[in-house]
């Protein structure tokens, strides 16, 4: 669903950036296919919620799509650890009530 990119060896600009802001991780959310429509009425309006370590970000909502393409790059701060947990969830945006 997404691409995990750890940029530990890029350029001297990255080294300066790490000293000021710390290391980051970029996750690209590409697309989803054949999302089920569990609604009795209406269409699905999906978005992704990505959690990396203790930080959560959301993609834009793709209205009326069972095959959404986000192609969004989300950047997260990264702790200096060997292993990390990445969680990706797809939700339907509700205009009224709680997202499902």
N, C-alpha and C. Protein backbone atom coordinates (compact mmCIF):
# COMPACT_ATOMS: atom_id res chain seq x y z
N UNK A 1 0.82 -1.18 0.00
CA UNK A 1 0.00 0.00 0.00
C UNK A 1 0.87 1.24 0.00
N UNK A 2 1.94 1.22 0.71
CA UNK A 2 2.80 2.38 0.76
C UNK A 2 4.24 1.97 0.62
N UNK A 3 5.09 2.95 0.44
CA UNK A 3 6.51 2.69 0.27
C UNK A 3 7.22 3.29 1.46
N UNK A 4 8.05 2.50 2.12
CA UNK A 4 8.79 2.93 3.28
C UNK A 4 10.16 3.35 2.80
N UNK A 5 10.51 4.61 3.04
CA UNK A 5 11.78 5.12 2.54
C UNK A 5 12.60 5.71 3.66
N UNK A 6 13.73 5.10 3.96
CA UNK A 6 14.62 5.61 4.98
C UNK A 6 15.81 6.23 4.26
N UNK A 7 15.97 7.54 4.41
CA UNK A 7 16.99 8.24 3.64
C UNK A 7 18.22 8.52 4.49
N UNK A 8 18.95 7.47 4.87
CA UNK A 8 20.13 7.63 5.69
C UNK A 8 21.36 8.05 4.88
N UNK A 9 21.33 7.88 3.57
CA UNK A 9 22.51 8.24 2.79
C UNK A 9 22.12 9.03 1.56
N UNK A 10 21.97 10.34 1.72
CA UNK A 10 21.59 11.14 0.56
C UNK A 10 22.66 12.17 0.28
N UNK A 11 22.58 13.32 0.91
CA UNK A 11 23.54 14.37 0.61
C UNK A 11 23.93 15.11 1.88
N UNK A 12 24.85 16.06 1.74
CA UNK A 12 25.28 16.84 2.90
C UNK A 12 24.15 17.71 3.41
N UNK A 13 23.19 18.11 2.54
CA UNK A 13 22.03 18.89 3.00
C UNK A 13 21.21 18.09 4.00
N UNK A 14 21.10 16.79 3.78
CA UNK A 14 20.37 15.93 4.69
C UNK A 14 21.06 15.90 6.04
N UNK A 15 22.40 15.84 6.05
CA UNK A 15 23.14 15.81 7.30
C UNK A 15 22.89 17.06 8.12
N UNK A 16 22.85 18.21 7.47
CA UNK A 16 22.57 19.47 8.16
C UNK A 16 21.14 19.46 8.68
N UNK A 17 20.22 18.98 7.86
CA UNK A 17 18.81 18.91 8.26
C UNK A 17 18.65 18.02 9.49
N UNK A 18 19.32 16.88 9.52
CA UNK A 18 19.23 15.97 10.66
C UNK A 18 19.72 16.63 11.94
N UNK A 19 20.75 17.44 11.82
CA UNK A 19 21.29 18.10 13.01
C UNK A 19 20.29 19.12 13.56
N UNK A 20 19.53 19.75 12.69
CA UNK A 20 18.57 20.77 13.13
C UNK A 20 17.24 20.14 13.52
N UNK A 21 16.68 19.30 12.67
CA UNK A 21 15.33 18.77 12.86
C UNK A 21 15.28 17.31 13.29
N UNK A 22 16.33 16.58 13.15
CA UNK A 22 16.34 15.15 13.43
C UNK A 22 15.98 14.36 12.19
N UNK A 23 16.20 13.05 12.22
CA UNK A 23 15.90 12.21 11.04
C UNK A 23 14.40 12.12 10.80
N UNK A 24 14.04 11.90 9.55
CA UNK A 24 12.64 11.75 9.18
C UNK A 24 12.45 10.49 8.36
N UNK A 25 11.21 10.08 8.25
CA UNK A 25 10.83 8.94 7.42
C UNK A 25 9.69 9.39 6.51
N UNK A 26 9.82 9.13 5.22
CA UNK A 26 8.77 9.47 4.26
C UNK A 26 8.03 8.20 3.87
N UNK A 27 6.71 8.26 3.98
CA UNK A 27 5.86 7.14 3.60
C UNK A 27 4.94 7.63 2.49
N UNK A 28 4.95 6.91 1.36
CA UNK A 28 4.10 7.28 0.23
C UNK A 28 2.89 6.35 0.21
N UNK A 29 1.71 6.96 0.32
CA UNK A 29 0.46 6.20 0.22
C UNK A 29 0.03 6.26 -1.23
N UNK A 30 0.06 5.13 -1.91
CA UNK A 30 -0.22 5.08 -3.35
C UNK A 30 -1.71 4.97 -3.65
N UNK A 31 -2.29 3.78 -3.43
CA UNK A 31 -3.68 3.56 -3.84
C UNK A 31 -4.26 2.36 -3.10
N UNK A 32 -5.57 2.20 -3.27
CA UNK A 32 -6.28 1.02 -2.78
C UNK A 32 -7.18 0.54 -3.92
N UNK A 33 -7.49 -0.73 -3.92
CA UNK A 33 -8.35 -1.27 -4.98
C UNK A 33 -9.45 -2.12 -4.37
N UNK A 34 -10.58 -2.11 -5.04
CA UNK A 34 -11.73 -2.94 -4.68
C UNK A 34 -12.17 -2.77 -3.23
N UNK A 35 -12.27 -1.53 -2.77
CA UNK A 35 -12.75 -1.29 -1.42
C UNK A 35 -14.23 -1.65 -1.35
N UNK A 36 -14.64 -2.38 -0.32
CA UNK A 36 -16.05 -2.76 -0.21
C UNK A 36 -16.90 -1.58 0.22
N UNK A 37 -18.10 -1.49 -0.31
CA UNK A 37 -19.04 -0.45 0.10
C UNK A 37 -20.02 -1.11 1.05
N UNK A 38 -19.83 -0.88 2.35
CA UNK A 38 -20.68 -1.51 3.36
C UNK A 38 -21.83 -0.60 3.76
N UNK A 39 -22.00 0.48 3.03
CA UNK A 39 -23.08 1.42 3.32
C UNK A 39 -24.38 0.95 2.68
N UNK A 40 -25.48 1.20 3.35
CA UNK A 40 -26.79 0.85 2.77
C UNK A 40 -27.16 1.84 1.68
N UNK A 41 -26.77 3.10 1.88
CA UNK A 41 -27.06 4.16 0.92
C UNK A 41 -25.80 4.98 0.70
N UNK A 42 -25.64 5.52 -0.48
CA UNK A 42 -24.53 6.42 -0.75
C UNK A 42 -23.29 5.72 -1.27
N UNK A 43 -22.24 6.50 -1.38
CA UNK A 43 -20.97 6.00 -1.90
C UNK A 43 -19.90 6.13 -0.84
N UNK A 44 -18.79 5.46 -1.06
CA UNK A 44 -17.70 5.53 -0.09
C UNK A 44 -16.76 6.67 -0.45
N UNK A 45 -16.28 7.33 0.58
CA UNK A 45 -15.34 8.45 0.45
C UNK A 45 -14.12 8.11 1.31
N UNK A 46 -13.18 7.32 0.76
CA UNK A 46 -12.08 6.80 1.58
C UNK A 46 -10.94 7.80 1.79
N UNK A 47 -10.26 7.59 2.92
CA UNK A 47 -8.98 8.25 3.21
C UNK A 47 -8.17 7.28 4.05
N UNK A 48 -6.87 7.51 4.10
CA UNK A 48 -5.98 6.66 4.90
C UNK A 48 -5.51 7.41 6.13
N UNK A 49 -5.36 6.66 7.19
CA UNK A 49 -4.75 7.17 8.41
C UNK A 49 -3.48 6.35 8.62
N UNK A 50 -2.33 7.02 8.63
CA UNK A 50 -1.05 6.35 8.77
C UNK A 50 -0.44 6.72 10.11
N UNK A 51 -0.09 5.69 10.89
CA UNK A 51 0.57 5.91 12.18
C UNK A 51 1.98 5.36 12.09
N UNK A 52 2.94 6.21 12.39
CA UNK A 52 4.35 5.84 12.40
C UNK A 52 4.89 6.21 13.78
N UNK A 53 5.37 5.19 14.49
CA UNK A 53 5.77 5.38 15.88
C UNK A 53 4.60 6.01 16.64
N UNK A 54 4.72 7.19 17.18
CA UNK A 54 3.61 7.79 17.96
C UNK A 54 2.96 8.95 17.21
N UNK A 55 3.14 9.02 15.91
CA UNK A 55 2.61 10.14 15.13
C UNK A 55 1.61 9.61 14.10
N UNK A 56 0.49 10.33 13.94
CA UNK A 56 -0.55 9.92 13.00
C UNK A 56 -0.85 11.06 12.03
N UNK A 57 -0.96 10.72 10.75
CA UNK A 57 -1.33 11.69 9.71
C UNK A 57 -2.38 11.05 8.81
N UNK A 58 -3.16 11.92 8.13
CA UNK A 58 -4.22 11.45 7.24
C UNK A 58 -3.98 11.94 5.82
N UNK A 59 -4.44 11.15 4.86
CA UNK A 59 -4.42 11.58 3.46
C UNK A 59 -5.67 12.40 3.19
N UNK A 60 -5.76 12.92 2.00
CA UNK A 60 -6.98 13.62 1.56
C UNK A 60 -8.07 12.58 1.30
N UNK A 61 -9.30 13.02 1.39
CA UNK A 61 -10.45 12.16 1.11
C UNK A 61 -10.65 12.08 -0.40
N UNK A 62 -10.86 10.87 -0.90
CA UNK A 62 -11.18 10.66 -2.32
C UNK A 62 -12.67 10.32 -2.41
N UNK A 63 -13.44 11.26 -2.88
CA UNK A 63 -14.88 11.09 -2.89
C UNK A 63 -15.33 10.08 -3.94
N UNK A 64 -16.32 9.27 -3.53
CA UNK A 64 -17.00 8.32 -4.42
C UNK A 64 -16.01 7.43 -5.19
N UNK A 65 -15.16 6.72 -4.45
CA UNK A 65 -14.16 5.89 -5.13
C UNK A 65 -13.92 4.57 -4.40
N UNK A 66 -14.12 3.47 -5.12
CA UNK A 66 -13.75 2.15 -4.62
C UNK A 66 -12.30 1.82 -4.97
N UNK A 67 -11.70 2.66 -5.82
CA UNK A 67 -10.32 2.45 -6.27
C UNK A 67 -9.55 3.77 -6.14
N UNK A 68 -9.41 4.31 -4.92
CA UNK A 68 -8.78 5.62 -4.75
C UNK A 68 -7.28 5.59 -5.03
N UNK A 69 -6.78 6.67 -5.60
CA UNK A 69 -5.34 6.87 -5.80
C UNK A 69 -4.96 8.16 -5.09
N UNK A 70 -4.17 8.03 -4.03
CA UNK A 70 -3.77 9.19 -3.25
C UNK A 70 -2.43 9.74 -3.74
N UNK A 71 -1.44 8.89 -3.92
CA UNK A 71 -0.09 9.32 -4.30
C UNK A 71 0.39 10.48 -3.42
N UNK A 72 0.19 10.31 -2.11
CA UNK A 72 0.58 11.34 -1.15
C UNK A 72 1.79 10.89 -0.36
N UNK A 73 2.72 11.81 -0.17
CA UNK A 73 3.91 11.55 0.63
C UNK A 73 3.71 12.17 2.01
N UNK A 74 3.79 11.34 3.04
CA UNK A 74 3.66 11.80 4.41
C UNK A 74 5.02 11.69 5.08
N UNK A 75 5.44 12.73 5.75
CA UNK A 75 6.75 12.75 6.39
C UNK A 75 6.58 12.75 7.91
N UNK A 76 7.32 11.86 8.56
CA UNK A 76 7.22 11.68 10.00
C UNK A 76 8.59 11.86 10.64
N UNK A 77 8.62 12.39 11.87
CA UNK A 77 9.88 12.40 12.61
C UNK A 77 10.22 10.97 12.98
N UNK A 78 11.50 10.68 13.05
CA UNK A 78 11.92 9.31 13.31
C UNK A 78 12.87 9.26 14.49
N UNK A 79 12.58 8.39 15.43
CA UNK A 79 13.49 8.15 16.54
C UNK A 79 14.64 7.28 16.03
N UNK A 80 15.74 7.33 16.68
CA UNK A 80 16.90 6.52 16.26
C UNK A 80 16.78 5.11 16.80
N UNK A 81 15.86 4.35 16.22
CA UNK A 81 15.66 2.96 16.64
C UNK A 81 15.80 2.05 15.43
N UNK A 82 16.10 0.81 15.70
CA UNK A 82 16.28 -0.18 14.63
C UNK A 82 14.95 -0.58 14.00
N UNK A 83 13.95 -0.87 14.82
CA UNK A 83 12.68 -1.31 14.27
C UNK A 83 11.57 -0.33 14.66
N UNK A 84 10.65 -0.15 13.75
CA UNK A 84 9.53 0.77 13.98
C UNK A 84 8.24 0.09 13.54
N UNK A 85 7.13 0.62 14.04
CA UNK A 85 5.83 0.09 13.68
C UNK A 85 5.11 1.10 12.79
N UNK A 86 4.63 0.63 11.65
CA UNK A 86 3.85 1.45 10.73
C UNK A 86 2.48 0.80 10.61
N UNK A 87 1.43 1.61 10.79
CA UNK A 87 0.07 1.10 10.69
C UNK A 87 -0.70 1.97 9.70
N UNK A 88 -1.36 1.32 8.74
CA UNK A 88 -2.16 2.03 7.74
C UNK A 88 -3.60 1.52 7.84
N UNK A 89 -4.52 2.46 8.02
CA UNK A 89 -5.94 2.11 8.07
C UNK A 89 -6.68 2.93 7.02
N UNK A 90 -7.69 2.31 6.40
CA UNK A 90 -8.52 3.02 5.43
C UNK A 90 -9.89 3.22 6.06
N UNK A 91 -10.36 4.46 6.02
CA UNK A 91 -11.66 4.81 6.59
C UNK A 91 -12.55 5.43 5.52
N UNK A 92 -13.84 5.44 5.82
CA UNK A 92 -14.84 6.14 5.01
C UNK A 92 -15.20 7.40 5.77
N UNK A 93 -15.12 8.55 5.11
CA UNK A 93 -15.46 9.80 5.76
C UNK A 93 -16.98 9.94 5.83
N UNK A 94 -17.47 10.17 7.00
CA UNK A 94 -18.90 10.39 7.23
C UNK A 94 -19.17 11.87 7.32
N UNK A 95 -20.17 12.35 6.64
CA UNK A 95 -20.54 13.77 6.77
C UNK A 95 -21.24 14.01 8.10
N UNK A 96 -21.92 12.99 8.59
CA UNK A 96 -22.57 13.05 9.91
C UNK A 96 -22.10 11.85 10.73
N UNK A 97 -21.74 12.07 11.95
CA UNK A 97 -21.34 10.96 12.81
C UNK A 97 -19.87 10.65 12.71
N UNK A 98 -19.52 9.47 13.16
CA UNK A 98 -18.13 9.03 13.25
C UNK A 98 -17.71 8.32 11.96
N UNK A 99 -16.44 8.54 11.52
CA UNK A 99 -15.91 7.86 10.34
C UNK A 99 -15.83 6.36 10.61
N UNK A 100 -16.03 5.57 9.54
CA UNK A 100 -16.01 4.10 9.66
C UNK A 100 -14.88 3.53 8.86
